[in-house]
Amino acid sequence: MPENSAGLARRHASHYADVHLLLRQGDDILMSRRRQQQVFPGMWQVPAGLMEEGEPARAAAAREFAEETSATVDPDHLRFVHLMHHVSTGSGSRRIAFFFETDRWHGSIGNPERDKCEGWEWRKASSLPEPLPPYLAVALQHIADGTPYSEYAWPVHTAPCSAKIPVSP
């Protein structure tokens, strides 16, 4: 985690970084319903997970996809489509979420993590299943609208946005 800057009272922000992969086939997106997990149980999700130490975002998305589906994607074929800075409504953790998409994969889609998801299905992007984790529903709408960046579920900031700087007479 980031440490204090030398001699400064400020602390650098620490966040989880997660990756999401929208695998597309025409108007369909690959999705699965989460089993009774601690966070977002019974909700629909795309292949996703946390980045590991020293791992670039596209490589993390490809790794997570392989772990969750048994199929593979080439990180060089992943297109960045959205970045969301959010607070998880499930865990309260601060997160930076990278969203990538591709329509190219290798192998058969399987379900090696049967304890975490019910299996993968192609779902219409134009009529997504419910329920979705709230942040994902918002991110997918932004992606559909072509919005590259969003913020979600941050508490209202009540402090003044700029400090008054004393002026010498």
Protein backbone atom coordinates (compact mmCIF):
# COMPACT_ATOMS: atom_id res chain seq x y z
CA MET A 1 0.00 0.00 0.00
CA PRO A 2 1.19 3.56 -0.56
CA GLU A 3 3.02 5.23 2.30
CA ASN A 4 3.16 8.80 3.61
CA SER A 5 5.13 11.25 1.52
CA ALA A 6 8.36 12.21 3.29
CA GLY A 7 7.73 15.22 5.52
CA LEU A 8 4.12 15.74 4.39
CA ALA A 9 0.98 15.26 6.46
CA ARG A 10 -0.92 13.91 3.43
CA ARG A 11 -1.26 10.21 2.75
CA HIS A 12 -1.43 8.70 -0.69
CA ALA A 13 -4.68 6.93 -1.50
CA SER A 14 -4.75 3.16 -1.43
CA HIS A 15 -7.22 1.26 -3.58
CA TYR A 16 -7.97 -2.18 -4.82
CA ALA A 17 -7.60 -2.45 -8.58
CA ASP A 18 -9.93 -4.82 -10.35
CA VAL A 19 -10.44 -5.83 -13.95
CA HIS A 20 -13.57 -6.76 -15.90
CA LEU A 21 -13.79 -8.38 -19.32
CA LEU A 22 -16.77 -7.98 -21.59
CA LEU A 23 -16.55 -10.90 -23.99
CA ARG A 24 -18.84 -10.04 -26.88
CA GLN A 25 -20.47 -12.18 -29.50
CA GLY A 26 -22.57 -9.86 -31.66
CA ASP A 27 -25.06 -8.17 -29.27
CA ASP A 28 -24.36 -10.73 -26.54
CA ILE A 29 -22.09 -10.46 -23.50
CA LEU A 30 -20.80 -13.46 -21.54
CA MET A 31 -22.21 -13.36 -17.99
CA SER A 32 -22.74 -15.61 -15.00
CA ARG A 33 -24.90 -15.51 -11.90
CA ARG A 34 -22.81 -15.49 -8.73
CA ARG A 35 -23.47 -18.25 -6.23
CA GLN A 36 -24.01 -17.37 -2.58
CA GLN A 37 -20.77 -15.46 -2.18
CA GLN A 38 -20.07 -12.89 0.53
CA VAL A 39 -20.30 -10.00 -1.95
CA PHE A 40 -23.15 -9.59 -4.48
CA PRO A 41 -24.70 -13.08 -4.01
CA GLY A 42 -27.10 -14.15 -6.76
CA MET A 43 -26.19 -11.21 -9.00
CA TRP A 44 -25.05 -11.37 -12.61
CA GLN A 45 -21.43 -10.54 -13.37
CA VAL A 46 -18.89 -10.56 -16.20
CA PRO A 47 -15.49 -12.27 -15.78
CA ALA A 48 -13.71 -10.08 -13.22
CA GLY A 49 -11.26 -10.07 -10.37
CA LEU A 50 -8.46 -8.29 -8.55
CA MET A 51 -5.15 -7.45 -10.12
CA GLU A 52 -2.12 -9.14 -8.58
CA GLU A 53 1.05 -7.39 -7.46
CA GLY A 54 3.17 -6.31 -10.44
CA GLU A 55 0.51 -7.33 -12.99
CA PRO A 56 -0.59 -4.96 -15.78
CA ALA A 57 -4.35 -4.50 -16.17
CA ARG A 58 -4.78 -6.27 -19.54
CA ALA A 59 -2.74 -9.26 -18.35
CA ALA A 60 -4.88 -9.40 -15.20
CA ALA A 61 -8.08 -9.36 -17.25
CA ALA A 62 -6.78 -12.21 -19.44
CA ARG A 63 -5.72 -14.20 -16.36
CA GLU A 64 -9.05 -13.72 -14.59
CA PHE A 65 -10.92 -14.70 -17.75
CA ALA A 66 -8.90 -17.93 -18.04
CA GLU A 67 -9.35 -18.78 -14.35
CA GLU A 68 -13.09 -18.24 -14.51
CA THR A 69 -13.93 -19.74 -17.92
CA SER A 70 -11.06 -22.13 -18.90
CA ALA A 71 -10.87 -20.28 -22.24
CA THR A 72 -8.14 -17.78 -23.09
CA VAL A 73 -7.82 -14.31 -24.57
CA ASP A 74 -4.74 -12.52 -25.84
CA PRO A 75 -4.15 -9.40 -23.70
CA ASP A 76 -3.11 -7.55 -26.88
CA HIS A 77 -6.66 -8.08 -28.24
CA LEU A 78 -8.36 -6.40 -25.27
CA ARG A 79 -9.77 -2.94 -25.89
CA PHE A 80 -10.01 -0.52 -22.97
CA VAL A 81 -13.60 0.76 -22.73
CA HIS A 82 -14.05 2.28 -19.28
CA LEU A 83 -12.42 3.23 -15.98
CA MET A 84 -14.53 3.55 -12.85
CA HIS A 85 -13.31 4.99 -9.56
CA HIS A 86 -15.77 3.70 -7.00
CA VAL A 87 -16.53 2.61 -3.49
CA SER A 88 -17.84 -0.94 -3.40
CA THR A 89 -21.37 -1.02 -2.06
CA GLY A 90 -20.71 -4.67 -1.20
CA SER A 91 -17.53 -4.31 0.85
CA GLY A 92 -16.98 -0.57 1.31
CA SER A 93 -13.51 -0.78 -0.23
CA ARG A 94 -12.19 1.91 -2.55
CA ARG A 95 -11.56 0.57 -6.04
CA ILE A 96 -10.30 1.45 -9.46
CA ALA A 97 -12.06 -0.78 -11.97
CA PHE A 98 -10.69 -1.32 -15.46
CA PHE A 99 -13.16 -2.52 -18.12
CA PHE A 100 -11.95 -4.18 -21.32
CA GLU A 101 -13.78 -5.88 -24.16
CA THR A 102 -13.01 -8.30 -26.94
CA ASP A 103 -14.80 -10.58 -29.35
CA ARG A 104 -11.81 -12.94 -29.73
CA TRP A 105 -11.09 -15.93 -27.50
CA HIS A 106 -9.60 -19.40 -27.78
CA GLY A 107 -11.00 -22.66 -26.42
CA SER A 108 -14.34 -23.64 -24.95
CA ILE A 109 -16.10 -21.64 -22.27
CA GLY A 110 -16.30 -23.79 -19.14
CA ASN A 111 -17.06 -23.28 -15.45
CA PRO A 112 -13.98 -24.27 -13.42
CA GLU A 113 -15.11 -22.20 -10.41
CA ARG A 114 -18.43 -23.93 -9.79
CA ASP A 115 -18.32 -22.83 -6.15
CA LYS A 116 -18.39 -19.16 -7.27
CA CYS A 117 -20.70 -19.08 -10.29
CA GLU A 118 -23.57 -21.02 -11.77
CA GLY A 119 -22.12 -21.18 -15.30
CA TRP A 120 -21.61 -18.82 -18.21
CA GLU A 121 -24.37 -17.66 -20.53
CA TRP A 122 -24.60 -15.27 -23.47
CA ARG A 123 -26.91 -12.42 -22.50
CA LYS A 124 -28.20 -9.60 -24.73
CA ALA A 125 -26.39 -6.32 -24.08
CA SER A 126 -29.60 -4.52 -24.97
CA SER A 127 -31.57 -6.28 -22.19
CA LEU A 128 -29.18 -7.27 -19.44
CA PRO A 129 -30.31 -9.70 -16.73
CA GLU A 130 -31.09 -8.54 -13.21
CA PRO A 131 -29.93 -8.16 -10.59
CA LEU A 132 -26.50 -6.73 -11.39
CA PRO A 133 -24.05 -5.33 -8.84
CA PRO A 134 -24.94 -1.62 -8.76
CA TYR A 135 -21.49 -0.43 -9.90
CA LEU A 136 -21.56 -2.86 -12.84
CA ALA A 137 -24.99 -1.69 -14.00
CA VAL A 138 -23.72 1.90 -13.99
CA ALA A 139 -20.44 0.99 -15.73
CA LEU A 140 -22.23 -1.00 -18.46
CA GLN A 141 -24.49 1.98 -19.16
CA HIS A 142 -21.46 4.26 -19.41
CA ILE A 143 -19.79 1.78 -21.77
CA ALA A 144 -22.92 1.66 -23.94
CA ASP A 145 -22.93 5.48 -24.00
CA GLY A 146 -19.21 5.65 -24.87
CA THR A 147 -18.24 7.37 -21.60
CA PRO A 148 -14.62 6.45 -20.80
CA TYR A 149 -14.55 7.44 -17.08
CA SER A 150 -16.97 7.50 -14.15
CA GLU A 151 -17.11 7.76 -10.38
CA TYR A 152 -19.61 5.82 -8.31
CA ALA A 153 -20.80 5.63 -4.67
CA TRP A 154 -18.38 8.13 -3.19
CA PRO A 155 -19.71 9.85 -0.06
CA VAL A 156 -20.69 13.48 -0.55
CA HIS A 157 -17.65 15.65 0.04
CA THR A 158 -18.58 18.29 2.60
CA ALA A 159 -15.22 20.05 3.02
CA PRO A 160 -14.49 23.08 0.85
CA CYS A 161 -12.96 22.05 -2.45
CA SER A 162 -10.22 24.68 -2.25
CA ALA A 163 -8.39 26.07 0.74
CA LYS A 164 -8.16 29.80 1.26
CA ILE A 165 -4.61 30.94 0.83
CA PRO A 166 -3.60 33.98 2.89
CA VAL A 167 -2.50 36.94 0.80
CA SER A 168 0.27 39.25 2.06
CA PRO A 169 -0.72 42.94 2.43
